[in-house]
Amino acid sequence: MANVDGAWDCVIKSPLGDQKAVLTVNSSGGSFTGTMTGAMGSMDIEDGKIDGDTISWKMNIKVPMPMTLDCTAKVDGDSITGSAGAGAFGSFPLTGSRQA
């Protein structure tokens, strides 16, 4: 299992432009808790799962409209790459790096 714990500086490339946020991951076995905090506020991680070097989670956003994002990302050392799925609006690339 990859070391997924820590704070990650992330960028989600959305139709509203690059959304910068800090993803905080606190693992416990095959699951994790945490938050994602950025310009649009702070959201709690829901249903955080770890499968090897892949993490997945959900977030309920309020801005620009209420919806649930389904996120998946692969951890490779101090880098993270994946996507944030926004239902009918499609999926947006997510990248990031672990804070030192």
PDB file of N, CA and C in Angstrom:
ATOM      1  N   MET A   1       0.847  -1.187   0.000  1.00  0.00           N
ATOM      2  CA  MET A   1       0.000   0.000   0.000  1.00  0.00           C
ATOM      3  C   MET A   1       0.888   1.244   0.000  1.00  0.00           C
ATOM      4  N   ALA A   2       0.564   2.180  -0.849  1.00  0.00           N
ATOM      5  CA  ALA A   2       1.327   3.421  -0.970  1.00  0.00           C
ATOM      6  C   ALA A   2       1.112   4.307   0.253  1.00  0.00           C
ATOM      7  N   ASN A   3       2.083   5.174   0.519  1.00  0.00           N
ATOM      8  CA  ASN A   3       1.943   6.170   1.576  1.00  0.00           C
ATOM      9  C   ASN A   3       1.101   7.314   1.020  1.00  0.00           C
ATOM     10  N   VAL A   4      -0.157   7.367   1.420  1.00  0.00           N
ATOM     11  CA  VAL A   4      -1.079   8.379   0.894  1.00  0.00           C
ATOM     12  C   VAL A   4      -1.301   9.525   1.869  1.00  0.00           C
ATOM     13  N   ASP A   5      -0.816   9.377   3.104  1.00  0.00           N
ATOM     14  CA  ASP A   5      -1.060  10.388   4.134  1.00  0.00           C
ATOM     15  C   ASP A   5      -0.350  11.700   3.833  1.00  0.00           C
ATOM     16  N   GLY A   6      -0.971  12.769   4.296  1.00  0.00           N
ATOM     17  CA  GLY A   6      -0.347  14.076   4.197  1.00  0.00           C
ATOM     18  C   GLY A   6      -1.263  15.105   3.588  1.00  0.00           C
ATOM     19  N   ALA A   7      -0.664  16.250   3.292  1.00  0.00           N
ATOM     20  CA  ALA A   7      -1.380  17.353   2.647  1.00  0.00           C
ATOM     21  C   ALA A   7      -0.874  17.447   1.216  1.00  0.00           C
ATOM     22  N   TRP A   8      -1.802  17.516   0.284  1.00  0.00           N
ATOM     23  CA  TRP A   8      -1.495  17.537  -1.145  1.00  0.00           C
ATOM     24  C   TRP A   8      -1.988  18.843  -1.760  1.00  0.00           C
ATOM     25  N   ASP A   9      -1.083  19.568  -2.439  1.00  0.00           N
ATOM     26  CA  ASP A   9      -1.475  20.762  -3.191  1.00  0.00           C
ATOM     27  C   ASP A   9      -2.024  20.277  -4.523  1.00  0.00           C
ATOM     28  N   CYS A  10      -3.324  20.446  -4.742  1.00  0.00           N
ATOM     29  CA  CYS A  10      -3.993  19.909  -5.927  1.00  0.00           C
ATOM     30  C   CYS A  10      -4.567  21.006  -6.810  1.00  0.00           C
ATOM     31  N   VAL A  11      -4.723  20.649  -8.094  1.00  0.00           N
ATOM     32  CA  VAL A  11      -5.399  21.507  -9.061  1.00  0.00           C
ATOM     33  C   VAL A  11      -6.392  20.637  -9.815  1.00  0.00           C
ATOM     34  N   ILE A  12      -7.653  21.075  -9.838  1.00  0.00           N
ATOM     35  CA  ILE A  12      -8.681  20.420 -10.647  1.00  0.00           C
ATOM     36  C   ILE A  12      -8.968  21.359 -11.814  1.00  0.00           C
ATOM     37  N   LYS A  13      -8.802  20.849 -13.039  1.00  0.00           N
ATOM     38  CA  LYS A  13      -9.041  21.659 -14.235  1.00  0.00           C
ATOM     39  C   LYS A  13     -10.513  21.564 -14.598  1.00  0.00           C
ATOM     40  N   SER A  14     -11.292  22.546 -14.160  1.00  0.00           N
ATOM     41  CA  SER A  14     -12.742  22.549 -14.367  1.00  0.00           C
ATOM     42  C   SER A  14     -13.129  23.570 -15.429  1.00  0.00           C
ATOM     43  N   PRO A  15     -14.378  23.527 -15.903  1.00  0.00           N
ATOM     44  CA  PRO A  15     -14.838  24.538 -16.855  1.00  0.00           C
ATOM     45  C   PRO A  15     -14.788  25.958 -16.289  1.00  0.00           C
ATOM     46  N   LEU A  16     -14.738  26.082 -14.967  1.00  0.00           N
ATOM     47  CA  LEU A  16     -14.645  27.401 -14.329  1.00  0.00           C
ATOM     48  C   LEU A  16     -13.202  27.844 -14.147  1.00  0.00           C
ATOM     49  N   GLY A  17     -12.261  27.097 -14.742  1.00  0.00           N
ATOM     50  CA  GLY A  17     -10.844  27.404 -14.596  1.00  0.00           C
ATOM     51  C   GLY A  17     -10.195  26.477 -13.588  1.00  0.00           C
ATOM     52  N   ASP A  18      -8.898  26.651 -13.400  1.00  0.00           N
ATOM     53  CA  ASP A  18      -8.154  25.820 -12.459  1.00  0.00           C
ATOM     54  C   ASP A  18      -8.626  26.090 -11.036  1.00  0.00           C
ATOM     55  N   GLN A  19      -9.024  25.024 -10.349  1.00  0.00           N
ATOM     56  CA  GLN A  19      -9.463  25.115  -8.957  1.00  0.00           C
ATOM     57  C   GLN A  19      -8.347  24.547  -8.076  1.00  0.00           C
ATOM     58  N   LYS A  20      -7.662  25.429  -7.350  1.00  0.00           N
ATOM     59  CA  LYS A  20      -6.571  25.003  -6.477  1.00  0.00           C
ATOM     60  C   LYS A  20      -7.136  24.695  -5.099  1.00  0.00           C
ATOM     61  N   ALA A  21      -6.659  23.593  -4.522  1.00  0.00           N
ATOM     62  CA  ALA A  21      -7.136  23.184  -3.201  1.00  0.00           C
ATOM     63  C   ALA A  21      -6.085  22.316  -2.536  1.00  0.00           C
ATOM     64  N   VAL A  22      -6.194  22.188  -1.226  1.00  0.00           N
ATOM     65  CA  VAL A  22      -5.319  21.297  -0.463  1.00  0.00           C
ATOM     66  C   VAL A  22      -6.155  20.110  -0.003  1.00  0.00           C
ATOM     67  N   LEU A  23      -5.738  18.921  -0.429  1.00  0.00           N
ATOM     68  CA  LEU A  23      -6.366  17.667  -0.023  1.00  0.00           C
ATOM     69  C   LEU A  23      -5.580  17.118   1.152  1.00  0.00           C
ATOM     70  N   THR A  24      -6.248  16.908   2.286  1.00  0.00           N
ATOM     71  CA  THR A  24      -5.614  16.332   3.465  1.00  0.00           C
ATOM     72  C   THR A  24      -6.112  14.906   3.624  1.00  0.00           C
ATOM     73  N   VAL A  25      -5.151  13.963   3.693  1.00  0.00           N
ATOM     74  CA  VAL A  25      -5.470  12.542   3.768  1.00  0.00           C
ATOM     75  C   VAL A  25      -4.926  11.965   5.064  1.00  0.00           C
ATOM     76  N   ASN A  26      -5.809  11.311   5.835  1.00  0.00           N
ATOM     77  CA  ASN A  26      -5.442  10.606   7.067  1.00  0.00           C
ATOM     78  C   ASN A  26      -5.940   9.175   6.938  1.00  0.00           C
ATOM     79  N   SER A  27      -5.018   8.254   6.598  1.00  0.00           N
ATOM     80  CA  SER A  27      -5.429   6.879   6.326  1.00  0.00           C
ATOM     81  C   SER A  27      -5.556   6.050   7.589  1.00  0.00           C
ATOM     82  N   SER A  28      -6.386   5.014   7.481  1.00  0.00           N
ATOM     83  CA  SER A  28      -6.559   4.021   8.542  1.00  0.00           C
ATOM     84  C   SER A  28      -6.920   2.711   7.852  1.00  0.00           C
ATOM     85  N   GLY A  29      -5.902   1.871   7.616  1.00  0.00           N
ATOM     86  CA  GLY A  29      -6.145   0.627   6.901  1.00  0.00           C
ATOM     87  C   GLY A  29      -6.518   0.915   5.463  1.00  0.00           C
ATOM     88  N   GLY A  30      -7.656   0.392   5.011  1.00  0.00           N
ATOM     89  CA  GLY A  30      -8.097   0.566   3.634  1.00  0.00           C
ATOM     90  C   GLY A  30      -9.016   1.746   3.422  1.00  0.00           C
ATOM     91  N   SER A  31      -9.075   2.665   4.400  1.00  0.00           N
ATOM     92  CA  SER A  31      -9.934   3.839   4.245  1.00  0.00           C
ATOM     93  C   SER A  31      -9.177   5.085   4.690  1.00  0.00           C
ATOM     94  N   PHE A  32      -9.764   6.244   4.412  1.00  0.00           N
ATOM     95  CA  PHE A  32      -9.158   7.484   4.885  1.00  0.00           C
ATOM     96  C   PHE A  32     -10.226   8.543   5.107  1.00  0.00           C
ATOM     97  N   THR A  33      -9.862   9.519   5.924  1.00  0.00           N
ATOM     98  CA  THR A  33     -10.689  10.696   6.173  1.00  0.00           C
ATOM     99  C   THR A  33      -9.851  11.912   5.827  1.00  0.00           C
ATOM    100  N   GLY A  34     -10.476  13.060   5.777  1.00  0.00           N
ATOM    101  CA  GLY A  34      -9.751  14.283   5.503  1.00  0.00           C
ATOM    102  C   GLY A  34     -10.658  15.368   4.981  1.00  0.00           C
ATOM    103  N   THR A  35     -10.031  16.372   4.381  1.00  0.00           N
ATOM    104  CA  THR A  35     -10.759  17.508   3.824  1.00  0.00           C
ATOM    105  C   THR A  35     -10.109  17.943   2.520  1.00  0.00           C
ATOM    106  N   MET A  36     -10.859  18.708   1.741  1.00  0.00           N
ATOM    107  CA  MET A  36     -10.293  19.424   0.597  1.00  0.00           C
ATOM    108  C   MET A  36     -10.706  20.871   0.778  1.00  0.00           C
ATOM    109  N   THR A  37      -9.711  21.747   0.874  1.00  0.00           N
ATOM    110  CA  THR A  37      -9.953  23.152   1.169  1.00  0.00           C
ATOM    111  C   THR A  37      -9.371  24.028   0.071  1.00  0.00           C
ATOM    112  N   GLY A  38     -10.208  24.919  -0.464  1.00  0.00           N
ATOM    113  CA  GLY A  38      -9.757  25.824  -1.514  1.00  0.00           C
ATOM    114  C   GLY A  38     -10.575  27.095  -1.511  1.00  0.00           C
ATOM    115  N   ALA A  39     -10.530  27.812  -2.624  1.00  0.00           N
ATOM    116  CA  ALA A  39     -11.212  29.102  -2.752  1.00  0.00           C
ATOM    117  C   ALA A  39     -12.727  28.977  -2.583  1.00  0.00           C
ATOM    118  N   MET A  40     -13.266  27.800  -2.893  1.00  0.00           N
ATOM    119  CA  MET A  40     -14.717  27.614  -2.786  1.00  0.00           C
ATOM    120  C   MET A  40     -15.130  27.010  -1.448  1.00  0.00           C
ATOM    121  N   GLY A  41     -14.219  27.007  -0.482  1.00  0.00           N
ATOM    122  CA  GLY A  41     -14.554  26.519   0.848  1.00  0.00           C
ATOM    123  C   GLY A  41     -13.878  25.208   1.185  1.00  0.00           C
ATOM    124  N   SER A  42     -14.296  24.615   2.291  1.00  0.00           N
ATOM    125  CA  SER A  42     -13.733  23.362   2.773  1.00  0.00           C
ATOM    126  C   SER A  42     -14.814  22.287   2.736  1.00  0.00           C
ATOM    127  N   MET A  43     -14.429  21.119   2.226  1.00  0.00           N
ATOM    128  CA  MET A  43     -15.370  19.998   2.143  1.00  0.00           C
ATOM    129  C   MET A  43     -14.765  18.792   2.838  1.00  0.00           C
ATOM    130  N   ASP A  44     -15.599  18.065   3.573  1.00  0.00           N
ATOM    131  CA  ASP A  44     -15.152  16.826   4.187  1.00  0.00           C
ATOM    132  C   ASP A  44     -15.104  15.718   3.145  1.00  0.00           C
ATOM    133  N   ILE A  45     -14.090  14.874   3.266  1.00  0.00           N
ATOM    134  CA  ILE A  45     -13.984  13.681   2.424  1.00  0.00           C
ATOM    135  C   ILE A  45     -15.015  12.678   2.924  1.00  0.00           C
ATOM    136  N   GLU A  46     -15.750  12.080   1.995  1.00  0.00           N
ATOM    137  CA  GLU A  46     -16.711  11.038   2.337  1.00  0.00           C
ATOM    138  C   GLU A  46     -16.347   9.768   1.603  1.00  0.00           C
ATOM    139  N   ASP A  47     -16.541   8.632   2.242  1.00  0.00           N
ATOM    140  CA  ASP A  47     -16.337   7.323   1.627  1.00  0.00           C
ATOM    141  C   ASP A  47     -14.925   7.181   1.061  1.00  0.00           C
ATOM    142  N   GLY A  48     -13.914   7.663   1.807  1.00  0.00           N
ATOM    143  CA  GLY A  48     -12.524   7.576   1.365  1.00  0.00           C
ATOM    144  C   GLY A  48     -12.030   6.138   1.401  1.00  0.00           C
ATOM    145  N   LYS A  49     -11.517   5.648   0.271  1.00  0.00           N
ATOM    146  CA  LYS A  49     -11.031   4.269   0.164  1.00  0.00           C
ATOM    147  C   LYS A  49      -9.627   4.259  -0.413  1.00  0.00           C
ATOM    148  N   ILE A  50      -8.834   3.268   0.030  1.00  0.00           N
ATOM    149  CA  ILE A  50      -7.473   3.088  -0.466  1.00  0.00           C
ATOM    150  C   ILE A  50      -7.372   1.673  -1.029  1.00  0.00           C
ATOM    151  N   ASP A  51      -6.885   1.575  -2.268  1.00  0.00           N
ATOM    152  CA  ASP A  51      -6.677   0.283  -2.905  1.00  0.00           C
ATOM    153  C   ASP A  51      -5.292   0.301  -3.532  1.00  0.00           C
ATOM    154  N   GLY A  52      -4.297  -0.196  -2.796  1.00  0.00           N
ATOM    155  CA  GLY A  52      -2.915  -0.129  -3.274  1.00  0.00           C
ATOM    156  C   GLY A  52      -2.444   1.304  -3.330  1.00  0.00           C
ATOM    157  N   ASP A  53      -2.138   1.787  -4.556  1.00  0.00           N
ATOM    158  CA  ASP A  53      -1.687   3.175  -4.708  1.00  0.00           C
ATOM    159  C   ASP A  53      -2.790   4.090  -5.230  1.00  0.00           C
ATOM    160  N   THR A  54      -4.033   3.597  -5.206  1.00  0.00           N
ATOM    161  CA  THR A  54      -5.169   4.382  -5.691  1.00  0.00           C
ATOM    162  C   THR A  54      -6.093   4.758  -4.534  1.00  0.00           C
ATOM    163  N   ILE A  55      -6.479   6.035  -4.496  1.00  0.00           N
ATOM    164  CA  ILE A  55      -7.446   6.491  -3.498  1.00  0.00           C
ATOM    165  C   ILE A  55      -8.705   6.958  -4.228  1.00  0.00           C
ATOM    166  N   SER A  56      -9.833   6.811  -3.576  1.00  0.00           N
ATOM    167  CA  SER A  56     -11.098   7.303  -4.142  1.00  0.00           C
ATOM    168  C   SER A  56     -11.922   7.891  -3.012  1.00  0.00           C
ATOM    169  N   TRP A  57     -12.710   8.896  -3.352  1.00  0.00           N
ATOM    170  CA  TRP A  57     -13.518   9.577  -2.346  1.00  0.00           C
ATOM    171  C   TRP A  57     -14.624  10.372  -3.018  1.00  0.00           C
ATOM    172  N   LYS A  58     -15.549  10.860  -2.185  1.00  0.00           N
ATOM    173  CA  LYS A  58     -16.642  11.722  -2.644  1.00  0.00           C
ATOM    174  C   LYS A  58     -16.585  13.018  -1.859  1.00  0.00           C
ATOM    175  N   MET A  59     -17.052  14.083  -2.506  1.00  0.00           N
ATOM    176  CA  MET A  59     -17.153  15.390  -1.857  1.00  0.00           C
ATOM    177  C   MET A  59     -18.459  16.028  -2.290  1.00  0.00           C
ATOM    178  N   ASN A  60     -19.150  16.624  -1.349  1.00  0.00           N
ATOM    179  CA  ASN A  60     -20.375  17.364  -1.649  1.00  0.00           C
ATOM    180  C   ASN A  60     -20.032  18.841  -1.732  1.00  0.00           C
ATOM    181  N   ILE A  61     -20.099  19.379  -2.957  1.00  0.00           N
ATOM    182  CA  ILE A  61     -19.791  20.800  -3.131  1.00  0.00           C
ATOM    183  C   ILE A  61     -21.089  21.612  -3.107  1.00  0.00           C
ATOM    184  N   LYS A  62     -20.960  22.858  -2.768  1.00  0.00           N
ATOM    185  CA  LYS A  62     -22.115  23.769  -2.710  1.00  0.00           C
ATOM    186  C   LYS A  62     -22.036  24.827  -3.804  1.00  0.00           C
ATOM    187  N   VAL A  63     -20.791  25.150  -4.248  1.00  0.00           N
ATOM    188  CA  VAL A  63     -20.564  26.216  -5.220  1.00  0.00           C
ATOM    189  C   VAL A  63     -19.895  25.603  -6.448  1.00  0.00           C
ATOM    190  N   PRO A  64     -20.254  25.896  -7.672  1.00  0.00           N
ATOM    191  CA  PRO A  64     -21.263  26.871  -8.068  1.00  0.00           C
ATOM    192  C   PRO A  64     -22.682  26.352  -7.933  1.00  0.00           C
ATOM    193  N   MET A  65     -22.857  25.029  -7.748  1.00  0.00           N
ATOM    194  CA  MET A  65     -24.178  24.460  -7.507  1.00  0.00           C
ATOM    195  C   MET A  65     -23.989  23.191  -6.687  1.00  0.00           C
ATOM    196  N   PRO A  66     -24.980  22.810  -5.902  1.00  0.00           N
ATOM    197  CA  PRO A  66     -24.830  21.597  -5.097  1.00  0.00           C
ATOM    198  C   PRO A  66     -24.711  20.347  -5.976  1.00  0.00           C
ATOM    199  N   MET A  67     -23.668  19.552  -5.725  1.00  0.00           N
ATOM    200  CA  MET A  67     -23.502  18.271  -6.402  1.00  0.00           C
ATOM    201  C   MET A  67     -22.440  17.466  -5.674  1.00  0.00           C
ATOM    202  N   THR A  68     -22.408  16.178  -5.966  1.00  0.00           N
ATOM    203  CA  THR A  68     -21.410  15.296  -5.386  1.00  0.00           C
ATOM    204  C   THR A  68     -20.345  15.003  -6.429  1.00  0.00           C
ATOM    205  N   LEU A  69     -19.083  15.219  -6.068  1.00  0.00           N
ATOM    206  CA  LEU A  69     -17.967  14.877  -6.941  1.00  0.00           C
ATOM    207  C   LEU A  69     -17.455  13.498  -6.553  1.00  0.00           C
ATOM    208  N   ASP A  70     -17.247  12.637  -7.550  1.00  0.00           N
ATOM    209  CA  ASP A  70     -16.636  11.323  -7.341  1.00  0.00           C
ATOM    210  C   ASP A  70     -15.207  11.412  -7.829  1.00  0.00           C
ATOM    211  N   CYS A  71     -14.253  11.279  -6.911  1.00  0.00           N
ATOM    212  CA  CYS A  71     -12.843  11.488  -7.232  1.00  0.00           C
ATOM    213  C   CYS A  71     -12.049  10.189  -7.105  1.00  0.00           C
ATOM    214  N   THR A  72     -11.078  10.036  -7.993  1.00  0.00           N
ATOM    215  CA  THR A  72     -10.152   8.908  -7.961  1.00  0.00           C
ATOM    216  C   THR A  72      -8.780   9.442  -8.325  1.00  0.00           C
ATOM    217  N   ALA A  73      -7.752   8.982  -7.615  1.00  0.00           N
ATOM    218  CA  ALA A  73      -6.395   9.437  -7.914  1.00  0.00           C
ATOM    219  C   ALA A  73      -5.390   8.350  -7.572  1.00  0.00           C
ATOM    220  N   LYS A  74      -4.294   8.350  -8.328  1.00  0.00           N
ATOM    221  CA  LYS A  74      -3.203   7.407  -8.097  1.00  0.00           C
ATOM    222  C   LYS A  74      -2.039   8.167  -7.482  1.00  0.00           C
ATOM    223  N   VAL A  75      -1.494   7.611  -6.395  1.00  0.00           N
ATOM    224  CA  VAL A  75      -0.357   8.210  -5.715  1.00  0.00           C
ATOM    225  C   VAL A  75       0.915   7.545  -6.233  1.00  0.00           C
ATOM    226  N   ASP A  76       1.871   8.378  -6.655  1.00  0.00           N
ATOM    227  CA  ASP A  76       3.171   7.895  -7.126  1.00  0.00           C
ATOM    228  C   ASP A  76       4.236   8.717  -6.422  1.00  0.00           C
ATOM    229  N   GLY A  77       4.712   8.209  -5.284  1.00  0.00           N
ATOM    230  CA  GLY A  77       5.681   8.964  -4.493  1.00  0.00           C
ATOM    231  C   GLY A  77       5.052  10.217  -3.932  1.00  0.00           C
ATOM    232  N   ASP A  78       5.553  11.382  -4.384  1.00  0.00           N
ATOM    233  CA  ASP A  78       5.030  12.661  -3.909  1.00  0.00           C
ATOM    234  C   ASP A  78       4.146  13.341  -4.950  1.00  0.00           C
ATOM    235  N   SER A  79       3.655  12.558  -5.935  1.00  0.00           N
ATOM    236  CA  SER A  79       2.750  13.086  -6.964  1.00  0.00           C
ATOM    237  C   SER A  79       1.421  12.356  -6.918  1.00  0.00           C
ATOM    238  N   ILE A  80       0.385  13.048  -7.338  1.00  0.00           N
ATOM    239  CA  ILE A  80      -0.949  12.455  -7.383  1.00  0.00           C
ATOM    240  C   ILE A  80      -1.602  12.886  -8.702  1.00  0.00           C
ATOM    241  N   THR A  81      -2.238  11.928  -9.398  1.00  0.00           N
ATOM    242  CA  THR A  81      -2.945  12.238 -10.638  1.00  0.00           C
ATOM    243  C   THR A  81      -4.252  11.471 -10.652  1.00  0.00           C
ATOM    244  N   GLY A  82      -5.281  12.104 -11.168  1.00  0.00           N
ATOM    245  CA  GLY A  82      -6.567  11.432 -11.216  1.00  0.00           C
ATOM    246  C   GLY A  82      -7.617  12.306 -11.835  1.00  0.00           C
ATOM    247  N   SER A  83      -8.860  12.138 -11.359  1.00  0.00           N
ATOM    248  CA  SER A  83      -9.964  12.911 -11.914  1.00  0.00           C
ATOM    249  C   SER A  83     -11.048  13.125 -10.870  1.00  0.00           C
ATOM    250  N   ALA A  84     -11.818  14.171 -11.124  1.00  0.00           N
ATOM    251  CA  ALA A  84     -12.988  14.490 -10.305  1.00  0.00           C
ATOM    252  C   ALA A  84     -14.196  14.402 -11.217  1.00  0.00           C
ATOM    253  N   GLY A  85     -15.069  13.439 -10.966  1.00  0.00           N
ATOM    254  CA  GLY A  85     -16.255  13.244 -11.781  1.00  0.00           C
ATOM    255  C   GLY A  85     -17.408  14.081 -11.261  1.00  0.00           C
ATOM    256  N   ALA A  86     -18.037  14.825 -12.172  1.00  0.00           N
ATOM    257  CA  ALA A  86     -19.130  15.714 -11.794  1.00  0.00           C
ATOM    258  C   ALA A  86     -20.429  15.305 -12.483  1.00  0.00           C
ATOM    259  N   GLY A  87     -20.710  14.004 -12.501  1.00  0.00           N
ATOM    260  CA  GLY A  87     -21.959  13.507 -13.060  1.00  0.00           C
ATOM    261  C   GLY A  87     -22.136  13.887 -14.519  1.00  0.00           C
ATOM    262  N   ALA A  88     -23.264  14.501 -14.842  1.00  0.00           N
ATOM    263  CA  ALA A  88     -23.594  14.873 -16.216  1.00  0.00           C
ATOM    264  C   ALA A  88     -22.633  15.914 -16.790  1.00  0.00           C
ATOM    265  N   PHE A  89     -21.864  16.587 -15.941  1.00  0.00           N
ATOM    266  CA  PHE A  89     -20.927  17.608 -16.406  1.00  0.00           C
ATOM    267  C   PHE A  89     -19.591  17.030 -16.847  1.00  0.00           C
ATOM    268  N   GLY A  90     -19.405  15.722 -16.674  1.00  0.00           N
ATOM    269  CA  GLY A  90     -18.175  15.078 -17.115  1.00  0.00           C
ATOM    270  C   GLY A  90     -17.166  14.919 -15.994  1.00  0.00           C
ATOM    271  N   SER A  91     -15.951  14.622 -16.397  1.00  0.00           N
ATOM    272  CA  SER A  91     -14.869  14.365 -15.465  1.00  0.00           C
ATOM    273  C   SER A  91     -13.731  15.339 -15.747  1.00  0.00           C
ATOM    274  N   PHE A  92     -13.104  15.839 -14.680  1.00  0.00           N
ATOM    275  CA  PHE A  92     -12.070  16.856 -14.824  1.00  0.00           C
ATOM    276  C   PHE A  92     -10.750  16.352 -14.257  1.00  0.00           C
ATOM    277  N   PRO A  93      -9.622  16.622 -14.946  1.00  0.00           N
ATOM    278  CA  PRO A  93      -8.316  16.160 -14.466  1.00  0.00           C
ATOM    279  C   PRO A  93      -7.961  16.761 -13.108  1.00  0.00           C
ATOM    280  N   LEU A  94      -7.325  15.946 -12.286  1.00  0.00           N
ATOM    281  CA  LEU A  94      -6.848  16.363 -10.968  1.00  0.00           C
ATOM    282  C   LEU A  94      -5.367  15.995 -10.888  1.00  0.00           C
ATOM    283  N   THR A  95      -4.527  16.945 -10.521  1.00  0.00           N
ATOM    284  CA  THR A  95      -3.101  16.675 -10.319  1.00  0.00           C
ATOM    285  C   THR A  95      -2.672  17.324  -9.012  1.00  0.00           C
ATOM    286  N   GLY A  96      -1.561  16.867  -8.483  1.00  0.00           N
ATOM    287  CA  GLY A  96      -1.076  17.481  -7.262  1.00  0.00           C
ATOM    288  C   GLY A  96       0.260  16.948  -6.814  1.00  0.00           C
ATOM    289  N   SER A  97       0.790  17.587  -5.778  1.00  0.00           N
ATOM    290  CA  SER A  97       2.048  17.155  -5.182  1.00  0.00           C
ATOM    291  C   SER A  97       1.932  17.275  -3.662  1.00  0.00           C
ATOM    292  N   ARG A  98       2.659  16.373  -2.997  1.00  0.00           N
ATOM    293  CA  ARG A  98       2.644  16.349  -1.531  1.00  0.00           C
ATOM    294  C   ARG A  98       3.393  17.554  -0.980  1.00  0.00           C
ATOM    295  N   GLN A  99       2.809  18.200   0.024  1.00  0.00           N
ATOM    296  CA  GLN A  99       3.493  19.300   0.694  1.00  0.00           C
ATOM    297  C   GLN A  99       4.660  18.740   1.493  1.00  0.00           C
ATOM    298  N   ALA A 100       5.759  19.483   1.531  1.00  0.00           N
ATOM    299  CA  ALA A 100       6.957  19.036   2.265  1.00  0.00           C
ATOM    300  C   ALA A 100       6.738  19.086   3.754  1.00  0.00           C
TER     301      ALA A 100
END
